[in-house]
Amino acid sequence: MNLIVLEEPDEKWDDFVSAHSRLIFHTSTWRRILRESFRCPTRYLVFEEEGDWLCGLPGMMAGNRFFRVFYSLIPYGGFIGDRERIPECLRLLNNWAKNERIQRIQIVDVRIKNKRDLPDFKCVESYRHVLQLEGKTTDQIWKGYRGGLKRNIKAAMKSELCFERIGSREEIGQFYKLYLDSMSRNKALAKYPLQLFLKIYDLLVPTFCDVFFVRYRGQPIAGAVIIYSEDTAHYFHGGSATDYLHLRPNDLLFHHAIGIARERENSYFDFFGSDKRLASLIRFKEKWGTTREELFNFHKDFGSVRPFLFKTALSLAQTPLGSALHRGLKSMRKESPE
């Protein structure tokens, strides 16, 4: 088995993905979105034997000269192809990482159901919530809603809330303000730049993506980006205005988004991963009648000192102090003269 490294995947890559994966996140289009949003190089690894492609591993190069990470991938990556050959692929992957002076390999693969499937990798366990749509009527989906969800949706429908699909690129800026509001409310680092959502709009809407708003008296107070793979609607990200949460705009938002996914004949609605410690977020996702799955974020470090310093810096960034420092640095860069 040999390793081929592609900096820019081509039609052959997309043909390989089409034969082995249903995820849009494995395609060259998603690579372009990440490349142009984060301004970081990508590496698409192909494991081949006698000219036949056996496995692929898409990824992006993050970090800097001090600490380089090969990350497969935001939000999902992992191995494509003959999964029985993964142990052989890992040997080539490790050698390549060492030669490239990469300090960490990080892999998020939704198809791995056992954390021992990637030996020598550590993993952070989280939950992924998926709502099955295939074979269900609208009535059956509605009956699967739990707790007071149906009551909240009915109340929202009778109120002045209005659900709509956004109609212009300019409205992405309004969505981003809602995203920042949510990140601030949850004391979380706003890790996604505005450019990411703009590129998603430019390259995926309307065929592979919808962006929805819930408006109150004409003002957007909640929004969601839904990305469509071959058989799955993925809730990529969202945001909401803190002052209007009592109107339950997110309940109305997801109810309609799920209905549209069913109309598109998607088999599943994917709420994405959640940290196991975020009990309120998990409850929100489970009230829709979802199935909870394990989601593993694998990583393997090369060396010890640099990974330790990176982990320390990352932990600081996720604290209120780190978030404040991050916002302060961004503000200083904006105010600095060209």
Protein backbone atom coordinates (compact mmCIF):
# COMPACT_ATOMS: atom_id res chain seq x y z
CA MET A 1 0.00 0.00 0.00
CA ASN A 2 1.22 3.50 -0.86
CA LEU A 3 0.19 6.98 0.28
CA ILE A 4 -0.66 9.79 -2.16
CA VAL A 5 -1.09 13.32 -0.79
CA LEU A 6 -3.44 15.62 -2.69
CA GLU A 7 -3.37 19.34 -1.93
CA GLU A 8 -6.35 19.96 -4.21
CA PRO A 9 -8.76 17.04 -4.67
CA ASP A 10 -10.15 16.70 -8.18
CA GLU A 11 -12.97 14.89 -9.97
CA LYS A 12 -11.38 11.51 -9.24
CA TRP A 13 -11.58 12.30 -5.53
CA ASP A 14 -15.24 13.24 -5.80
CA ASP A 15 -15.95 10.05 -7.77
CA PHE A 16 -14.27 8.05 -5.01
CA VAL A 17 -16.32 9.88 -2.36
CA SER A 18 -19.51 9.31 -4.30
CA ALA A 19 -18.82 5.56 -4.31
CA HIS A 20 -17.96 5.30 -0.63
CA SER A 21 -19.54 8.15 1.37
CA ARG A 22 -22.86 9.97 1.60
CA LEU A 23 -21.40 12.96 3.44
CA ILE A 24 -21.03 16.28 1.66
CA PHE A 25 -18.22 17.09 4.11
CA HIS A 26 -15.93 14.65 2.27
CA THR A 27 -16.28 16.39 -1.10
CA SER A 28 -13.95 18.85 -2.81
CA THR A 29 -16.67 21.53 -2.52
CA TRP A 30 -16.51 21.36 1.28
CA ARG A 31 -12.72 21.48 1.04
CA ARG A 32 -13.02 24.74 -0.89
CA ILE A 33 -15.32 26.19 1.79
CA LEU A 34 -12.87 25.36 4.58
CA ARG A 35 -9.82 26.47 2.59
CA GLU A 36 -11.26 29.87 1.72
CA SER A 37 -12.82 30.44 5.16
CA PHE A 38 -9.96 29.50 7.47
CA ARG A 39 -7.11 30.29 5.05
CA CYS A 40 -5.35 27.07 5.97
CA PRO A 41 -3.95 24.39 3.64
CA THR A 42 -5.71 21.09 3.14
CA ARG A 43 -4.30 17.61 2.60
CA TYR A 44 -6.43 14.81 1.17
CA LEU A 45 -4.68 11.50 1.76
CA VAL A 46 -5.22 8.57 -0.61
CA PHE A 47 -4.09 5.07 0.31
CA GLU A 48 -3.67 3.06 -2.89
CA GLU A 49 -2.41 -0.29 -4.06
CA GLU A 50 -1.36 -0.98 -7.65
CA GLY A 51 -3.24 2.09 -8.81
CA ASP A 52 -6.48 1.25 -7.00
CA TRP A 53 -7.67 3.70 -4.38
CA LEU A 54 -8.52 1.77 -1.22
CA CYS A 55 -9.07 4.46 1.41
CA GLY A 56 -9.14 8.23 1.66
CA LEU A 57 -8.68 10.59 4.60
CA PRO A 58 -9.57 14.28 4.02
CA GLY A 59 -8.12 16.87 6.35
CA MET A 60 -6.98 20.41 6.98
CA MET A 61 -3.70 21.67 8.40
CA ALA A 62 -4.30 23.85 11.44
CA GLY A 63 -2.02 25.52 13.96
CA ASN A 64 1.36 27.08 13.29
CA ARG A 65 5.05 26.24 13.13
CA PHE A 66 5.07 25.53 16.85
CA PHE A 67 2.14 23.13 16.88
CA ARG A 68 0.76 21.64 13.65
CA VAL A 69 -2.46 19.64 13.56
CA PHE A 70 -3.83 17.48 10.77
CA TYR A 71 -7.57 17.67 11.43
CA SER A 72 -10.06 15.39 9.70
CA LEU A 73 -12.44 17.28 9.62
CA ILE A 74 -14.91 20.08 10.50
CA PRO A 75 -17.52 18.84 11.35
CA TYR A 76 -17.05 15.21 10.24
CA GLY A 77 -14.18 13.55 8.42
CA GLY A 78 -12.56 10.18 8.87
CA PHE A 79 -11.72 7.30 6.60
CA ILE A 80 -13.53 6.66 3.32
CA GLY A 81 -13.38 3.35 1.49
CA ASP A 82 -12.36 -0.16 2.59
CA ARG A 83 -12.50 0.13 6.36
CA GLU A 84 -10.83 -3.24 6.86
CA ARG A 85 -7.62 -1.69 5.53
CA ILE A 86 -7.58 1.10 8.12
CA PRO A 87 -4.87 -0.57 10.30
CA GLU A 88 -2.51 -0.52 7.28
CA CYS A 89 -3.47 3.08 6.55
CA LEU A 90 -2.62 4.11 10.11
CA ARG A 91 0.98 2.97 9.74
CA LEU A 92 1.43 5.11 6.64
CA LEU A 93 -0.44 7.99 8.29
CA ASN A 94 1.89 7.95 11.31
CA ASN A 95 5.01 7.95 9.14
CA TRP A 96 3.67 10.81 7.03
CA ALA A 97 2.81 12.87 10.12
CA LYS A 98 6.30 12.45 11.55
CA ASN A 99 7.93 13.40 8.24
CA GLU A 100 5.73 16.50 8.03
CA ARG A 101 6.53 17.44 11.66
CA ILE A 102 2.88 17.27 12.64
CA GLN A 103 2.35 17.26 16.41
CA ARG A 104 -1.25 15.99 16.41
CA ILE A 105 -3.58 13.97 14.23
CA GLN A 106 -7.25 14.60 15.02
CA ILE A 107 -10.09 12.60 13.46
CA VAL A 108 -13.88 12.88 13.84
CA ASP A 109 -15.46 9.85 12.15
CA VAL A 110 -19.20 9.24 12.65
CA ARG A 111 -18.94 5.69 11.31
CA ILE A 112 -16.61 4.53 14.06
CA LYS A 113 -18.79 3.02 16.79
CA ASN A 114 -16.01 1.56 18.96
CA LYS A 115 -13.24 3.74 20.30
CA ARG A 116 -10.83 0.79 20.07
CA ASP A 117 -11.13 0.84 16.28
CA LEU A 118 -8.29 3.39 16.16
CA PRO A 119 -5.60 1.87 18.38
CA ASP A 120 -2.98 4.20 19.85
CA PHE A 121 -5.42 7.10 19.57
CA LYS A 122 -6.97 8.79 22.58
CA CYS A 123 -10.50 10.06 22.25
CA VAL A 124 -12.94 12.52 23.70
CA GLU A 125 -16.41 11.03 23.90
CA SER A 126 -19.50 13.08 23.12
CA TYR A 127 -23.07 12.47 22.03
CA ARG A 128 -24.60 12.78 18.58
CA HIS A 129 -28.39 13.00 18.29
CA VAL A 130 -30.15 11.83 15.13
CA LEU A 131 -33.85 11.92 14.32
CA GLN A 132 -35.01 9.21 11.90
CA LEU A 133 -37.33 10.56 9.20
CA GLU A 134 -37.40 7.65 6.77
CA GLY A 135 -40.64 5.70 6.89
CA LYS A 136 -42.33 8.24 9.18
CA THR A 137 -45.32 10.41 8.41
CA THR A 138 -45.54 14.01 9.57
CA ASP A 139 -47.99 12.81 12.22
CA GLN A 140 -45.59 10.19 13.53
CA ILE A 141 -42.77 12.71 13.78
CA TRP A 142 -45.08 15.11 15.65
CA LYS A 143 -46.15 12.38 18.08
CA GLY A 144 -42.49 11.65 18.83
CA TYR A 145 -41.96 15.14 20.26
CA ARG A 146 -41.52 15.00 24.02
CA GLY A 147 -42.48 17.04 27.05
CA GLY A 148 -44.03 20.41 26.40
CA LEU A 149 -42.53 20.76 22.93
CA LYS A 150 -45.82 20.39 21.03
CA ARG A 151 -47.44 23.00 23.27
CA ASN A 152 -44.55 25.43 22.68
CA ILE A 153 -44.75 25.00 18.90
CA LYS A 154 -48.51 25.53 18.84
CA ALA A 155 -48.13 28.69 20.93
CA ALA A 156 -45.36 29.96 18.63
CA MET A 157 -47.52 29.35 15.56
CA LYS A 158 -50.30 31.46 17.06
CA SER A 159 -47.95 34.30 17.96
CA GLU A 160 -46.27 36.93 15.78
CA LEU A 161 -43.36 34.62 14.97
CA CYS A 162 -42.71 33.96 11.29
CA PHE A 163 -40.54 31.19 9.83
CA GLU A 164 -38.80 31.81 6.50
CA ARG A 165 -35.89 30.83 4.28
CA ILE A 166 -33.45 33.71 3.90
CA GLY A 167 -33.41 35.26 0.46
CA SER A 168 -30.09 37.07 0.12
CA ARG A 169 -26.40 36.82 0.95
CA GLU A 170 -26.60 40.08 2.92
CA GLU A 171 -28.79 38.36 5.51
CA ILE A 172 -25.90 36.11 6.50
CA GLY A 173 -24.57 39.09 8.45
CA GLN A 174 -27.79 39.13 10.47
CA PHE A 175 -27.47 35.40 11.08
CA TYR A 176 -23.89 35.88 12.28
CA LYS A 177 -24.99 38.41 14.89
CA LEU A 178 -27.42 35.80 16.26
CA TYR A 179 -24.59 33.25 16.29
CA LEU A 180 -22.35 35.62 18.27
CA ASP A 181 -25.19 36.36 20.69
CA SER A 182 -25.61 32.64 21.39
CA MET A 183 -21.88 32.07 21.85
CA SER A 184 -21.68 34.98 24.29
CA ARG A 185 -24.72 33.75 26.23
CA ASN A 186 -23.23 30.26 26.53
CA LYS A 187 -19.78 31.63 27.43
CA ALA A 188 -18.32 29.79 24.45
CA LEU A 189 -15.60 30.80 22.01
CA ALA A 190 -16.99 31.95 18.65
CA LYS A 191 -14.62 29.77 16.62
CA TYR A 192 -16.34 30.14 13.24
CA PRO A 193 -15.65 33.30 11.19
CA LEU A 194 -18.30 35.15 9.24
CA GLN A 195 -16.45 34.11 6.07
CA LEU A 196 -17.34 30.45 6.70
CA PHE A 197 -21.08 31.12 6.61
CA LEU A 198 -20.70 33.38 3.57
CA LYS A 199 -18.85 30.64 1.68
CA ILE A 200 -21.47 28.08 2.70
CA TYR A 201 -24.12 30.40 1.28
CA ASP A 202 -22.14 31.05 -1.92
CA LEU A 203 -21.31 27.41 -2.70
CA LEU A 204 -24.11 25.33 -1.19
CA VAL A 205 -27.35 27.36 -1.29
CA PRO A 206 -29.90 26.38 -2.54
CA THR A 207 -29.06 22.82 -3.63
CA PHE A 208 -27.14 21.61 -0.59
CA CYS A 209 -28.05 24.12 2.11
CA ASP A 210 -30.82 26.23 3.58
CA VAL A 211 -30.51 29.11 6.02
CA PHE A 212 -33.68 29.77 7.99
CA PHE A 213 -34.86 32.64 10.16
CA VAL A 214 -37.60 33.01 12.68
CA ARG A 215 -38.67 36.64 12.74
CA TYR A 216 -40.61 38.59 15.34
CA ARG A 217 -42.27 41.74 14.02
CA GLY A 218 -39.91 41.65 11.06
CA GLN A 219 -36.74 41.22 13.12
CA PRO A 220 -34.73 37.95 12.93
CA ILE A 221 -34.50 36.47 16.43
CA ALA A 222 -33.34 32.92 15.62
CA GLY A 223 -31.56 31.29 12.72
CA ALA A 224 -30.14 27.96 11.60
CA VAL A 225 -27.86 26.68 8.85
CA ILE A 226 -28.99 23.28 7.58
CA ILE A 227 -26.62 21.41 5.23
CA TYR A 228 -27.82 18.46 3.17
CA SER A 229 -25.80 15.33 2.51
CA GLU A 230 -27.17 12.57 0.28
CA ASP A 231 -29.56 11.16 2.91
CA THR A 232 -29.16 13.46 5.92
CA ALA A 233 -30.05 17.01 6.88
CA HIS A 234 -27.39 18.35 9.24
CA TYR A 235 -28.00 21.17 11.69
CA PHE A 236 -24.63 22.85 11.15
CA HIS A 237 -25.04 25.87 13.42
CA GLY A 238 -27.51 28.38 14.69
CA GLY A 239 -28.05 31.40 16.84
CA SER A 240 -30.75 33.24 18.70
CA ALA A 241 -31.35 36.58 20.38
CA THR A 242 -31.25 36.28 24.15
CA ASP A 243 -34.02 38.83 24.72
CA TYR A 244 -36.57 36.73 22.79
CA LEU A 245 -35.91 33.21 24.03
CA HIS A 246 -39.14 33.28 26.05
CA LEU A 247 -41.04 33.23 22.73
CA ARG A 248 -39.53 29.79 21.94
CA PRO A 249 -38.30 30.69 18.44
CA ASN A 250 -35.90 27.72 18.33
CA ASP A 251 -38.75 25.24 18.80
CA LEU A 252 -40.59 26.72 15.81
CA LEU A 253 -37.35 26.92 13.82
CA PHE A 254 -36.43 23.25 14.21
CA HIS A 255 -39.99 22.02 13.74
CA HIS A 256 -40.16 23.62 10.30
CA ALA A 257 -36.57 22.63 9.40
CA ILE A 258 -37.36 18.99 10.21
CA GLY A 259 -40.51 19.22 8.07
CA ILE A 260 -38.53 20.56 5.11
CA ALA A 261 -35.92 17.80 5.52
CA ARG A 262 -38.71 15.24 5.32
CA GLU A 263 -40.13 16.95 2.21
CA ARG A 264 -36.67 16.62 0.65
CA GLU A 265 -36.88 12.89 1.42
CA ASN A 266 -33.92 12.96 3.78
CA SER A 267 -33.74 9.84 5.90
CA TYR A 268 -32.27 11.53 8.96
CA PHE A 269 -32.05 14.89 10.71
CA ASP A 270 -28.66 15.22 12.42
CA PHE A 271 -28.42 17.55 15.42
CA PHE A 272 -24.61 17.11 15.49
CA GLY A 273 -22.42 16.39 18.50
CA SER A 274 -22.75 17.66 22.06
CA ASP A 275 -20.33 17.68 24.95
CA LYS A 276 -21.61 15.20 27.54
CA ARG A 277 -21.43 17.93 30.18
CA LEU A 278 -23.94 20.18 28.40
CA ALA A 279 -27.08 18.74 29.97
CA SER A 280 -29.46 21.48 28.81
CA LEU A 281 -28.30 21.19 25.18
CA ILE A 282 -28.70 17.41 25.32
CA ARG A 283 -32.22 17.77 26.70
CA PHE A 284 -33.09 20.16 23.86
CA LYS A 285 -31.93 17.64 21.26
CA GLU A 286 -33.62 14.68 22.92
CA LYS A 287 -37.04 16.31 23.18
CA TRP A 288 -37.44 15.88 19.40
CA GLY A 289 -37.50 12.11 19.74
CA THR A 290 -33.90 11.63 18.60
CA THR A 291 -31.67 8.60 19.05
CA ARG A 292 -28.48 9.25 21.01
CA GLU A 293 -25.23 7.85 19.61
CA GLU A 294 -21.64 7.92 20.80
CA LEU A 295 -19.42 10.29 18.84
CA PHE A 296 -15.66 9.98 19.20
CA ASN A 297 -13.15 12.75 18.58
CA PHE A 298 -9.85 10.88 18.21
CA HIS A 299 -6.41 12.39 18.57
CA LYS A 300 -2.84 11.17 18.60
CA ASP A 301 0.06 13.33 19.74
CA PHE A 302 3.67 13.11 18.62
CA GLY A 303 5.98 14.31 21.40
CA SER A 304 4.84 15.58 24.79
CA VAL A 305 5.87 19.18 25.51
CA ARG A 306 4.14 20.93 22.61
CA PRO A 307 0.87 18.96 22.95
CA PHE A 308 0.83 19.84 26.66
CA LEU A 309 1.29 23.55 25.96
CA PHE A 310 -1.36 23.41 23.25
CA LYS A 311 -3.84 21.73 25.60
CA THR A 312 -3.16 24.37 28.26
CA ALA A 313 -3.70 27.22 25.80
CA LEU A 314 -6.90 25.59 24.50
CA SER A 315 -8.26 25.19 28.03
CA LEU A 316 -7.57 28.87 28.73
CA ALA A 317 -9.29 29.91 25.48
CA GLN A 318 -12.46 28.15 26.59
CA THR A 319 -12.71 30.08 29.86
CA PRO A 320 -14.45 33.47 30.19
CA LEU A 321 -11.02 35.09 30.57
CA GLY A 322 -9.77 33.44 27.39
CA SER A 323 -12.87 34.51 25.48
CA ALA A 324 -12.41 38.09 26.70
CA LEU A 325 -8.74 38.08 25.64
CA HIS A 326 -9.72 36.70 22.23
CA ARG A 327 -12.32 39.45 21.75
CA GLY A 328 -9.83 42.07 22.89
CA LEU A 329 -7.18 40.93 20.40
CA LYS A 330 -9.73 40.97 17.59
CA SER A 331 -10.76 44.49 18.56
CA MET A 332 -7.13 45.65 18.64
CA ARG A 333 -6.52 44.24 15.17
CA LYS A 334 -9.58 46.05 13.82
CA GLU A 335 -8.50 49.36 15.36
CA SER A 336 -4.88 49.09 14.24
CA PRO A 337 -3.96 51.27 11.25
CA GLU A 338 -3.25 49.49 7.98
